[in-house]
Amino acid sequence: MLTITIPDSELFNEATQEFLVVKGQTITLEHSLVSVSKWESKWKKPFLGREEKTEEEIIDYIRCMTITQNVNPIVYSGLTNENFKDIMAYIDDKMTATTFKDNQQRHSREIITAEIIYYWMVELGIPFECQKWHLNRLLTLVNVCSIKQAPAKKMSRKDAMAQQSQLNAARRAKFKSRG
């Protein structure tokens, strides 16, 4: 979770030609599968897609991430550059110590939506409580479960021959034979 403080701000209302003072607020955000699901249900496109998001879409995702109750919707207009920087750093944080070798990473062209991630959770037996975890941490868990449940890779012919040679050498040394 991330807690940010949006400062008081002054906005100009084009319709009434008046300035409006918006009281700031401290809000708590959670970048999770629940947030992504809310956002995708409104915008009808994948959040994790490669397509750039508009400022309106980004601010709406911040609204979807908000777990603080009774937030004045206009307060999001007062988000500062520092707020955005903190939010983006939080979203990009991997939130885990787990690392992967390059060959173990998923490299798929599949479009990933909230429903795909929920499918992975069901398929891998990940409990639904994890939908409130930081999204990067949940995706790491999905990746770990996929790797651990995958069948063992076959040994290459070269590796099998090298292993057999080592076993033969060990047996010759043990039994003091030449072949």
N, C-alpha and C. Protein backbone atom coordinates (compact mmCIF):
# COMPACT_ATOMS: atom_id res chain seq x y z
N MET A 1 0.82 -1.18 0.00
CA MET A 1 0.00 0.00 0.00
C MET A 1 0.87 1.24 0.00
N LEU A 2 0.33 2.28 -0.56
CA LEU A 2 1.01 3.56 -0.63
C LEU A 2 0.07 4.63 -0.10
N THR A 3 0.57 5.46 0.79
CA THR A 3 -0.23 6.58 1.31
C THR A 3 0.39 7.87 0.78
N ILE A 4 -0.44 8.68 0.14
CA ILE A 4 0.03 9.96 -0.38
C ILE A 4 -0.88 11.08 0.13
N THR A 5 -0.33 12.27 0.17
CA THR A 5 -1.12 13.43 0.56
C THR A 5 -1.25 14.34 -0.64
N ILE A 6 -2.49 14.57 -1.03
CA ILE A 6 -2.77 15.50 -2.13
C ILE A 6 -3.02 16.86 -1.47
N PRO A 7 -2.24 17.87 -1.84
CA PRO A 7 -2.37 19.17 -1.16
C PRO A 7 -3.63 19.92 -1.60
N ASP A 8 -3.97 20.94 -0.83
CA ASP A 8 -5.06 21.84 -1.24
C ASP A 8 -4.69 22.42 -2.60
N SER A 9 -5.70 22.65 -3.42
CA SER A 9 -5.42 23.22 -4.74
C SER A 9 -6.54 24.17 -5.15
N GLU A 10 -6.23 24.98 -6.13
CA GLU A 10 -7.22 25.93 -6.64
C GLU A 10 -7.43 25.61 -8.12
N LEU A 11 -8.66 25.37 -8.50
CA LEU A 11 -9.00 25.00 -9.87
C LEU A 11 -9.91 26.06 -10.47
N PHE A 12 -9.87 26.20 -11.78
CA PHE A 12 -10.75 27.15 -12.46
C PHE A 12 -11.85 26.37 -13.14
N ASN A 13 -13.10 26.74 -12.84
CA ASN A 13 -14.27 26.11 -13.44
C ASN A 13 -14.63 26.89 -14.69
N GLU A 14 -14.44 26.28 -15.85
CA GLU A 14 -14.71 26.92 -17.14
C GLU A 14 -16.18 27.30 -17.28
N ALA A 15 -17.07 26.44 -16.82
CA ALA A 15 -18.51 26.65 -17.00
C ALA A 15 -19.00 27.87 -16.22
N THR A 16 -18.54 28.02 -14.96
CA THR A 16 -19.02 29.12 -14.12
C THR A 16 -18.07 30.30 -14.10
N GLN A 17 -16.89 30.14 -14.73
CA GLN A 17 -15.87 31.18 -14.75
C GLN A 17 -15.46 31.60 -13.33
N GLU A 18 -15.36 30.59 -12.44
CA GLU A 18 -14.99 30.85 -11.06
C GLU A 18 -13.85 29.94 -10.64
N PHE A 19 -13.09 30.44 -9.66
CA PHE A 19 -12.05 29.60 -9.07
C PHE A 19 -12.68 28.78 -7.95
N LEU A 20 -12.21 27.56 -7.83
CA LEU A 20 -12.74 26.63 -6.83
C LEU A 20 -11.57 26.14 -5.98
N VAL A 21 -11.68 26.27 -4.68
CA VAL A 21 -10.65 25.78 -3.78
C VAL A 21 -11.01 24.35 -3.39
N VAL A 22 -10.08 23.44 -3.67
CA VAL A 22 -10.30 22.03 -3.36
C VAL A 22 -9.43 21.67 -2.17
N LYS A 23 -10.06 21.18 -1.12
CA LYS A 23 -9.33 20.78 0.09
C LYS A 23 -8.56 19.49 -0.21
N GLY A 24 -7.29 19.46 0.16
CA GLY A 24 -6.46 18.29 -0.04
C GLY A 24 -6.89 17.14 0.86
N GLN A 25 -6.29 15.99 0.61
CA GLN A 25 -6.66 14.80 1.38
C GLN A 25 -5.52 13.80 1.34
N THR A 26 -5.42 13.00 2.40
CA THR A 26 -4.47 11.89 2.43
C THR A 26 -5.23 10.64 2.03
N ILE A 27 -4.70 9.94 1.03
CA ILE A 27 -5.38 8.73 0.55
C ILE A 27 -4.40 7.55 0.53
N THR A 28 -4.95 6.36 0.64
CA THR A 28 -4.16 5.14 0.58
C THR A 28 -4.50 4.40 -0.71
N LEU A 29 -3.46 3.98 -1.41
CA LEU A 29 -3.61 3.32 -2.71
C LEU A 29 -3.10 1.88 -2.64
N GLU A 30 -3.67 1.03 -3.49
CA GLU A 30 -3.26 -0.37 -3.56
C GLU A 30 -3.26 -0.79 -5.04
N HIS A 31 -2.07 -1.05 -5.59
CA HIS A 31 -1.92 -1.52 -6.97
C HIS A 31 -2.09 -3.04 -6.94
N SER A 32 -3.30 -3.48 -7.26
CA SER A 32 -3.62 -4.90 -7.13
C SER A 32 -4.46 -5.37 -8.30
N LEU A 33 -4.71 -6.66 -8.32
CA LEU A 33 -5.57 -7.24 -9.35
C LEU A 33 -6.98 -6.68 -9.25
N VAL A 34 -7.43 -6.39 -8.04
CA VAL A 34 -8.75 -5.78 -7.85
C VAL A 34 -8.81 -4.42 -8.55
N SER A 35 -7.77 -3.61 -8.39
CA SER A 35 -7.71 -2.29 -9.02
C SER A 35 -7.71 -2.41 -10.54
N VAL A 36 -6.91 -3.32 -11.05
CA VAL A 36 -6.84 -3.54 -12.50
C VAL A 36 -8.20 -3.98 -13.03
N SER A 37 -8.85 -4.87 -12.32
CA SER A 37 -10.15 -5.38 -12.72
C SER A 37 -11.19 -4.25 -12.79
N LYS A 38 -11.19 -3.38 -11.78
CA LYS A 38 -12.12 -2.23 -11.78
C LYS A 38 -11.86 -1.33 -12.98
N TRP A 39 -10.58 -1.05 -13.24
CA TRP A 39 -10.21 -0.16 -14.33
C TRP A 39 -10.61 -0.76 -15.68
N GLU A 40 -10.30 -2.04 -15.87
CA GLU A 40 -10.63 -2.70 -17.14
C GLU A 40 -12.13 -2.78 -17.36
N SER A 41 -12.91 -2.93 -16.30
CA SER A 41 -14.36 -3.02 -16.47
C SER A 41 -14.91 -1.67 -16.95
N LYS A 42 -14.25 -0.58 -16.58
CA LYS A 42 -14.70 0.73 -17.04
C LYS A 42 -14.21 1.05 -18.45
N TRP A 43 -12.92 0.82 -18.71
CA TRP A 43 -12.30 1.25 -19.95
C TRP A 43 -12.37 0.20 -21.07
N LYS A 44 -12.70 -1.03 -20.74
CA LYS A 44 -12.87 -2.11 -21.74
C LYS A 44 -11.62 -2.34 -22.59
N LYS A 45 -10.46 -2.22 -21.95
CA LYS A 45 -9.20 -2.53 -22.62
C LYS A 45 -8.21 -3.02 -21.58
N PRO A 46 -7.19 -3.78 -22.00
CA PRO A 46 -6.24 -4.34 -21.02
C PRO A 46 -5.37 -3.25 -20.39
N PHE A 47 -5.29 -3.29 -19.08
CA PHE A 47 -4.45 -2.33 -18.35
C PHE A 47 -2.98 -2.61 -18.62
N LEU A 48 -2.60 -3.88 -18.69
CA LEU A 48 -1.20 -4.26 -18.87
C LEU A 48 -0.77 -4.26 -20.33
N GLY A 49 -1.60 -3.75 -21.22
CA GLY A 49 -1.26 -3.70 -22.64
C GLY A 49 -0.17 -2.68 -22.91
N ARG A 50 0.35 -2.71 -24.12
CA ARG A 50 1.44 -1.82 -24.51
C ARG A 50 0.94 -0.41 -24.86
N GLU A 51 -0.33 -0.27 -25.06
CA GLU A 51 -0.91 1.00 -25.48
C GLU A 51 -0.74 2.06 -24.39
N GLU A 52 -0.31 3.26 -24.80
CA GLU A 52 -0.15 4.37 -23.86
C GLU A 52 -1.51 4.75 -23.28
N LYS A 53 -1.51 5.16 -22.03
CA LYS A 53 -2.74 5.58 -21.38
C LYS A 53 -2.82 7.10 -21.36
N THR A 54 -4.03 7.61 -21.51
CA THR A 54 -4.24 9.05 -21.45
C THR A 54 -4.14 9.50 -20.00
N GLU A 55 -4.04 10.80 -19.81
CA GLU A 55 -4.00 11.35 -18.45
C GLU A 55 -5.28 10.99 -17.70
N GLU A 56 -6.40 11.05 -18.41
CA GLU A 56 -7.70 10.69 -17.80
C GLU A 56 -7.71 9.23 -17.35
N GLU A 57 -7.15 8.33 -18.16
CA GLU A 57 -7.10 6.91 -17.80
C GLU A 57 -6.18 6.68 -16.60
N ILE A 58 -5.07 7.39 -16.55
CA ILE A 58 -4.13 7.23 -15.43
C ILE A 58 -4.78 7.72 -14.14
N ILE A 59 -5.41 8.88 -14.18
CA ILE A 59 -6.07 9.41 -12.98
C ILE A 59 -7.20 8.48 -12.56
N ASP A 60 -7.91 7.91 -13.54
CA ASP A 60 -8.98 6.97 -13.18
C ASP A 60 -8.40 5.70 -12.56
N TYR A 61 -7.21 5.25 -13.02
CA TYR A 61 -6.61 4.08 -12.38
C TYR A 61 -6.23 4.41 -10.94
N ILE A 62 -5.77 5.62 -10.70
CA ILE A 62 -5.45 6.02 -9.33
C ILE A 62 -6.73 5.98 -8.49
N ARG A 63 -7.86 6.40 -9.06
CA ARG A 63 -9.14 6.29 -8.36
C ARG A 63 -9.45 4.82 -8.04
N CYS A 64 -9.21 3.94 -9.01
CA CYS A 64 -9.48 2.51 -8.81
C CYS A 64 -8.56 1.91 -7.75
N MET A 65 -7.36 2.45 -7.61
CA MET A 65 -6.40 1.98 -6.62
C MET A 65 -6.75 2.46 -5.21
N THR A 66 -7.56 3.50 -5.10
CA THR A 66 -7.83 4.13 -3.81
C THR A 66 -8.68 3.22 -2.93
N ILE A 67 -8.16 2.96 -1.72
CA ILE A 67 -8.93 2.14 -0.76
C ILE A 67 -9.46 3.00 0.39
N THR A 68 -9.09 4.28 0.40
CA THR A 68 -9.62 5.22 1.40
C THR A 68 -11.09 5.47 1.08
N GLN A 69 -11.91 5.49 2.10
CA GLN A 69 -13.35 5.73 1.92
C GLN A 69 -13.64 7.22 1.82
N ASN A 70 -14.73 7.55 1.15
CA ASN A 70 -15.27 8.92 1.07
C ASN A 70 -14.26 9.94 0.56
N VAL A 71 -13.67 9.65 -0.58
CA VAL A 71 -12.73 10.59 -1.20
C VAL A 71 -13.52 11.46 -2.18
N ASN A 72 -13.35 12.78 -2.04
CA ASN A 72 -13.99 13.71 -2.96
C ASN A 72 -13.37 13.50 -4.35
N PRO A 73 -14.16 13.14 -5.37
CA PRO A 73 -13.59 12.84 -6.70
C PRO A 73 -12.77 13.98 -7.30
N ILE A 74 -13.10 15.21 -6.94
CA ILE A 74 -12.38 16.35 -7.50
C ILE A 74 -10.98 16.49 -6.93
N VAL A 75 -10.70 15.83 -5.79
CA VAL A 75 -9.38 15.93 -5.15
C VAL A 75 -8.28 15.38 -6.06
N TYR A 76 -8.64 14.45 -6.96
CA TYR A 76 -7.64 13.86 -7.86
C TYR A 76 -7.10 14.90 -8.84
N SER A 77 -7.83 15.98 -9.05
CA SER A 77 -7.35 17.07 -9.91
C SER A 77 -6.17 17.79 -9.29
N GLY A 78 -5.99 17.64 -7.99
CA GLY A 78 -4.89 18.30 -7.28
C GLY A 78 -3.63 17.47 -7.16
N LEU A 79 -3.59 16.30 -7.81
CA LEU A 79 -2.38 15.47 -7.76
C LEU A 79 -1.18 16.25 -8.30
N THR A 80 -0.10 16.23 -7.55
CA THR A 80 1.11 16.95 -7.96
C THR A 80 2.04 16.02 -8.75
N ASN A 81 3.04 16.62 -9.38
CA ASN A 81 4.05 15.81 -10.08
C ASN A 81 4.74 14.85 -9.12
N GLU A 82 4.98 15.32 -7.89
CA GLU A 82 5.60 14.47 -6.87
C GLU A 82 4.69 13.29 -6.53
N ASN A 83 3.37 13.54 -6.43
CA ASN A 83 2.42 12.45 -6.20
C ASN A 83 2.50 11.42 -7.31
N PHE A 84 2.48 11.90 -8.58
CA PHE A 84 2.56 10.99 -9.72
C PHE A 84 3.86 10.19 -9.70
N LYS A 85 4.97 10.85 -9.36
CA LYS A 85 6.27 10.17 -9.30
C LYS A 85 6.24 9.06 -8.25
N ASP A 86 5.68 9.36 -7.07
CA ASP A 86 5.58 8.37 -6.01
C ASP A 86 4.68 7.20 -6.42
N ILE A 87 3.57 7.51 -7.07
CA ILE A 87 2.62 6.47 -7.49
C ILE A 87 3.26 5.57 -8.54
N MET A 88 3.95 6.15 -9.51
CA MET A 88 4.58 5.34 -10.56
C MET A 88 5.71 4.49 -9.99
N ALA A 89 6.46 5.02 -9.04
CA ALA A 89 7.53 4.23 -8.39
C ALA A 89 6.90 3.05 -7.64
N TYR A 90 5.79 3.29 -6.98
CA TYR A 90 5.08 2.22 -6.26
C TYR A 90 4.57 1.15 -7.23
N ILE A 91 3.98 1.58 -8.34
CA ILE A 91 3.46 0.62 -9.33
C ILE A 91 4.60 -0.21 -9.92
N ASP A 92 5.75 0.41 -10.17
CA ASP A 92 6.88 -0.28 -10.80
C ASP A 92 7.69 -1.14 -9.83
N ASP A 93 7.52 -0.96 -8.53
CA ASP A 93 8.28 -1.72 -7.53
C ASP A 93 7.95 -3.20 -7.65
N LYS A 94 8.97 -4.06 -7.66
CA LYS A 94 8.72 -5.50 -7.82
C LYS A 94 8.17 -6.15 -6.56
N MET A 95 8.36 -5.55 -5.40
CA MET A 95 7.79 -5.98 -4.12
C MET A 95 8.15 -7.41 -3.70
N THR A 96 9.27 -7.91 -4.16
CA THR A 96 9.69 -9.26 -3.79
C THR A 96 11.20 -9.39 -3.96
N ALA A 97 11.77 -10.37 -3.29
CA ALA A 97 13.20 -10.66 -3.43
C ALA A 97 13.45 -11.71 -4.50
N THR A 98 12.39 -12.30 -5.03
CA THR A 98 12.52 -13.36 -6.02
C THR A 98 13.02 -12.81 -7.35
N THR A 99 13.99 -13.50 -7.92
CA THR A 99 14.49 -13.14 -9.25
C THR A 99 14.43 -14.37 -10.14
N PHE A 100 14.47 -14.15 -11.43
CA PHE A 100 14.39 -15.23 -12.40
C PHE A 100 15.54 -15.13 -13.37
N LYS A 101 15.99 -16.31 -13.83
CA LYS A 101 16.94 -16.33 -14.93
C LYS A 101 16.15 -15.93 -16.17
N ASP A 102 16.85 -15.37 -17.15
CA ASP A 102 16.15 -14.90 -18.35
C ASP A 102 15.34 -15.99 -19.03
N ASN A 103 15.84 -17.22 -19.05
CA ASN A 103 15.13 -18.29 -19.75
C ASN A 103 13.90 -18.78 -18.98
N GLN A 104 13.72 -18.33 -17.74
CA GLN A 104 12.56 -18.75 -16.97
C GLN A 104 11.42 -17.74 -17.04
N GLN A 105 11.65 -16.58 -17.62
CA GLN A 105 10.61 -15.56 -17.71
C GLN A 105 9.59 -15.94 -18.77
N ARG A 106 8.35 -15.53 -18.53
CA ARG A 106 7.30 -15.72 -19.53
C ARG A 106 7.49 -14.69 -20.63
N HIS A 107 7.58 -15.12 -21.85
CA HIS A 107 7.64 -14.21 -22.98
C HIS A 107 6.53 -14.63 -23.93
N SER A 108 5.38 -14.02 -23.73
CA SER A 108 4.22 -14.40 -24.52
C SER A 108 3.63 -13.16 -25.16
N ARG A 109 3.02 -13.34 -26.29
CA ARG A 109 2.34 -12.24 -26.96
C ARG A 109 0.87 -12.19 -26.54
N GLU A 110 0.49 -13.06 -25.63
CA GLU A 110 -0.88 -13.11 -25.16
C GLU A 110 -1.25 -11.78 -24.48
N ILE A 111 -2.44 -11.30 -24.78
CA ILE A 111 -2.93 -10.08 -24.14
C ILE A 111 -3.36 -10.47 -22.73
N ILE A 112 -2.78 -9.81 -21.75
CA ILE A 112 -3.05 -10.16 -20.35
C ILE A 112 -4.08 -9.19 -19.79
N THR A 113 -5.20 -9.76 -19.37
CA THR A 113 -6.25 -8.97 -18.73
C THR A 113 -6.44 -9.52 -17.32
N ALA A 114 -7.26 -8.85 -16.54
CA ALA A 114 -7.53 -9.30 -15.17
C ALA A 114 -8.07 -10.73 -15.18
N GLU A 115 -8.94 -11.05 -16.14
CA GLU A 115 -9.52 -12.40 -16.19
C GLU A 115 -8.47 -13.47 -16.47
N ILE A 116 -7.48 -13.14 -17.29
CA ILE A 116 -6.39 -14.09 -17.56
C ILE A 116 -5.62 -14.36 -16.26
N ILE A 117 -5.36 -13.31 -15.50
CA ILE A 117 -4.63 -13.48 -14.24
C ILE A 117 -5.47 -14.29 -13.25
N TYR A 118 -6.78 -14.01 -13.20
CA TYR A 118 -7.65 -14.81 -12.34
C TYR A 118 -7.64 -16.27 -12.79
N TYR A 119 -7.62 -16.53 -14.10
CA TYR A 119 -7.53 -17.90 -14.61
C TYR A 119 -6.25 -18.57 -14.13
N TRP A 120 -5.14 -17.85 -14.23
CA TRP A 120 -3.87 -18.41 -13.76
C TRP A 120 -3.95 -18.75 -12.28
N MET A 121 -4.58 -17.87 -11.51
CA MET A 121 -4.71 -18.13 -10.07
C MET A 121 -5.50 -19.41 -9.82
N VAL A 122 -6.60 -19.59 -10.54
CA VAL A 122 -7.41 -20.80 -10.38
C VAL A 122 -6.62 -22.02 -10.82
N GLU A 123 -6.00 -21.93 -11.98
CA GLU A 123 -5.24 -23.05 -12.54
C GLU A 123 -4.09 -23.48 -11.64
N LEU A 124 -3.46 -22.51 -10.98
CA LEU A 124 -2.30 -22.80 -10.15
C LEU A 124 -2.65 -22.99 -8.67
N GLY A 125 -3.92 -22.86 -8.34
CA GLY A 125 -4.36 -23.06 -6.96
C GLY A 125 -3.96 -21.92 -6.03
N ILE A 126 -3.82 -20.72 -6.58
CA ILE A 126 -3.48 -19.55 -5.76
C ILE A 126 -4.77 -19.01 -5.15
N PRO A 127 -4.82 -18.82 -3.83
CA PRO A 127 -6.07 -18.38 -3.20
C PRO A 127 -6.45 -16.95 -3.62
N PHE A 128 -7.75 -16.69 -3.63
CA PHE A 128 -8.24 -15.39 -4.08
C PHE A 128 -7.88 -14.24 -3.14
N GLU A 129 -7.44 -14.54 -1.93
CA GLU A 129 -6.98 -13.47 -1.05
C GLU A 129 -5.81 -12.72 -1.68
N CYS A 130 -5.07 -13.39 -2.54
CA CYS A 130 -3.90 -12.79 -3.18
C CYS A 130 -4.26 -11.72 -4.20
N GLN A 131 -5.54 -11.60 -4.55
CA GLN A 131 -5.94 -10.58 -5.51
C GLN A 131 -5.72 -9.17 -4.96
N LYS A 132 -5.52 -9.05 -3.66
CA LYS A 132 -5.28 -7.74 -3.05
C LYS A 132 -3.79 -7.46 -2.84
N TRP A 133 -2.94 -8.43 -3.20
CA TRP A 133 -1.49 -8.23 -3.12
C TRP A 133 -1.10 -7.20 -4.17
N HIS A 134 0.10 -6.63 -4.00
CA HIS A 134 0.67 -5.78 -5.04
C HIS A 134 0.73 -6.62 -6.31
N LEU A 135 0.31 -6.06 -7.44
CA LEU A 135 0.18 -6.82 -8.68
C LEU A 135 1.49 -7.49 -9.10
N ASN A 136 2.61 -6.79 -8.96
CA ASN A 136 3.90 -7.38 -9.36
C ASN A 136 4.25 -8.59 -8.50
N ARG A 137 3.92 -8.52 -7.24
CA ARG A 137 4.17 -9.66 -6.34
C ARG A 137 3.29 -10.85 -6.73
N LEU A 138 2.03 -10.58 -7.05
CA LEU A 138 1.13 -11.65 -7.49
C LEU A 138 1.62 -12.29 -8.78
N LEU A 139 2.05 -11.47 -9.74
CA LEU A 139 2.55 -12.01 -11.01
C LEU A 139 3.83 -12.82 -10.79
N THR A 140 4.65 -12.42 -9.83
CA THR A 140 5.85 -13.20 -9.49
C THR A 140 5.44 -14.56 -8.93
N LEU A 141 4.44 -14.58 -8.06
CA LEU A 141 3.95 -15.84 -7.51
C LEU A 141 3.40 -16.74 -8.61
N VAL A 142 2.66 -16.17 -9.55
CA VAL A 142 2.14 -16.94 -10.69
C VAL A 142 3.30 -17.55 -11.47
N ASN A 143 4.33 -16.76 -11.71
CA ASN A 143 5.50 -17.24 -12.45
C ASN A 143 6.21 -18.36 -11.69
N VAL A 144 6.39 -18.19 -10.39
CA VAL A 144 7.05 -19.21 -9.57
C VAL A 144 6.24 -20.51 -9.61
N CYS A 145 4.93 -20.42 -9.42
CA CYS A 145 4.07 -21.62 -9.44
C CYS A 145 4.14 -22.31 -10.79
N SER A 146 4.14 -21.53 -11.86
CA SER A 146 4.23 -22.11 -13.21
C SER A 146 5.54 -22.87 -13.40
N ILE A 147 6.62 -22.27 -12.94
CA ILE A 147 7.94 -22.91 -13.09
C ILE A 147 8.00 -24.19 -12.25
N LYS A 148 7.54 -24.11 -11.01
CA LYS A 148 7.61 -25.26 -10.11
C LYS A 148 6.71 -26.41 -10.56
N GLN A 149 5.58 -26.09 -11.20
CA GLN A 149 4.66 -27.13 -11.63
C GLN A 149 4.95 -27.66 -13.03
N ALA A 150 5.86 -27.02 -13.74
CA ALA A 150 6.20 -27.46 -15.09
C ALA A 150 6.98 -28.77 -15.02
N PRO A 151 6.78 -29.64 -16.01
CA PRO A 151 7.55 -30.89 -16.01
C PRO A 151 9.04 -30.58 -16.19
N ALA A 152 9.87 -31.44 -15.62
CA ALA A 152 11.32 -31.26 -15.71
C ALA A 152 11.76 -31.31 -17.17
N LYS A 153 12.70 -30.44 -17.51
CA LYS A 153 13.18 -30.41 -18.89
C LYS A 153 14.10 -31.61 -19.12
N LYS A 154 14.01 -32.15 -20.34
CA LYS A 154 14.89 -33.26 -20.70
C LYS A 154 16.32 -32.76 -20.81
N MET A 155 17.24 -33.64 -20.41
CA MET A 155 18.66 -33.31 -20.48
C MET A 155 19.08 -33.42 -21.95
N SER A 156 19.92 -32.49 -22.38
CA SER A 156 20.41 -32.54 -23.76
C SER A 156 21.32 -33.77 -23.93
N ARG A 157 21.48 -34.19 -25.14
CA ARG A 157 22.32 -35.37 -25.44
C ARG A 157 23.74 -35.13 -24.93
N LYS A 158 24.25 -33.93 -25.14
CA LYS A 158 25.61 -33.59 -24.71
C LYS A 158 25.73 -33.69 -23.18
N ASP A 159 24.73 -33.13 -22.46
CA ASP A 159 24.76 -33.18 -21.00
C ASP A 159 24.62 -34.62 -20.49
N ALA A 160 23.77 -35.41 -21.14
CA ALA A 160 23.59 -36.81 -20.73
C ALA A 160 24.89 -37.60 -20.90
N MET A 161 25.59 -37.35 -22.02
CA MET A 161 26.85 -38.06 -22.26
C MET A 161 27.91 -37.63 -21.24
N ALA A 162 27.94 -36.34 -20.90
CA ALA A 162 28.91 -35.84 -19.92
C ALA A 162 28.62 -36.45 -18.55
N GLN A 163 27.35 -36.54 -18.18
CA GLN A 163 26.99 -37.13 -16.89
C GLN A 163 27.38 -38.62 -16.86
N GLN A 164 27.13 -39.31 -17.95
CA GLN A 164 27.48 -40.74 -18.02
C GLN A 164 28.99 -40.94 -17.91
N SER A 165 29.76 -40.05 -18.55
CA SER A 165 31.23 -40.14 -18.47
C SER A 165 31.70 -39.93 -17.03
N GLN A 166 31.10 -38.98 -16.31
CA GLN A 166 31.46 -38.73 -14.92
C GLN A 166 31.14 -39.94 -14.05
N LEU A 167 29.98 -40.56 -14.28
CA LEU A 167 29.60 -41.75 -13.51
C LEU A 167 30.57 -42.90 -13.78
N ASN A 168 30.95 -43.09 -15.05
CA ASN A 168 31.89 -44.16 -15.40
C ASN A 168 33.25 -43.92 -14.75
N ALA A 169 33.70 -42.65 -14.78
CA ALA A 169 35.00 -42.34 -14.17
C ALA A 169 34.96 -42.60 -12.67
N ALA A 170 33.86 -42.24 -12.02
CA ALA A 170 33.72 -42.47 -10.58
C ALA A 170 33.72 -43.97 -10.27
N ARG A 171 33.04 -44.76 -11.09
CA ARG A 171 32.99 -46.22 -10.87
C ARG A 171 34.39 -46.83 -11.06
N ARG A 172 35.10 -46.37 -12.11
CA ARG A 172 36.46 -46.90 -12.34
C ARG A 172 37.36 -46.60 -11.15
N ALA A 173 37.23 -45.37 -10.60
CA ALA A 173 38.05 -44.99 -9.46
C ALA A 173 37.66 -45.82 -8.23
N LYS A 174 36.40 -46.05 -8.04
CA LYS A 174 35.91 -46.80 -6.87
C LYS A 174 36.39 -48.25 -6.91
N PHE A 175 36.26 -48.87 -8.07
CA PHE A 175 36.59 -50.30 -8.19
C PHE A 175 38.02 -50.52 -8.71
N LYS A 176 38.76 -49.45 -8.87
CA LYS A 176 40.15 -49.51 -9.34
C LYS A 176 40.28 -50.35 -10.59
N SER A 177 39.45 -50.02 -11.57
CA SER A 177 39.49 -50.75 -12.85
C SER A 177 39.86 -49.76 -13.95
N ARG A 178 40.14 -50.30 -15.15
CA ARG A 178 40.53 -49.45 -16.26
C ARG A 178 39.43 -49.37 -17.30
N GLY A 179 38.33 -49.94 -17.07
CA GLY A 179 37.32 -49.84 -18.11
C GLY A 179 36.31 -50.87 -17.99
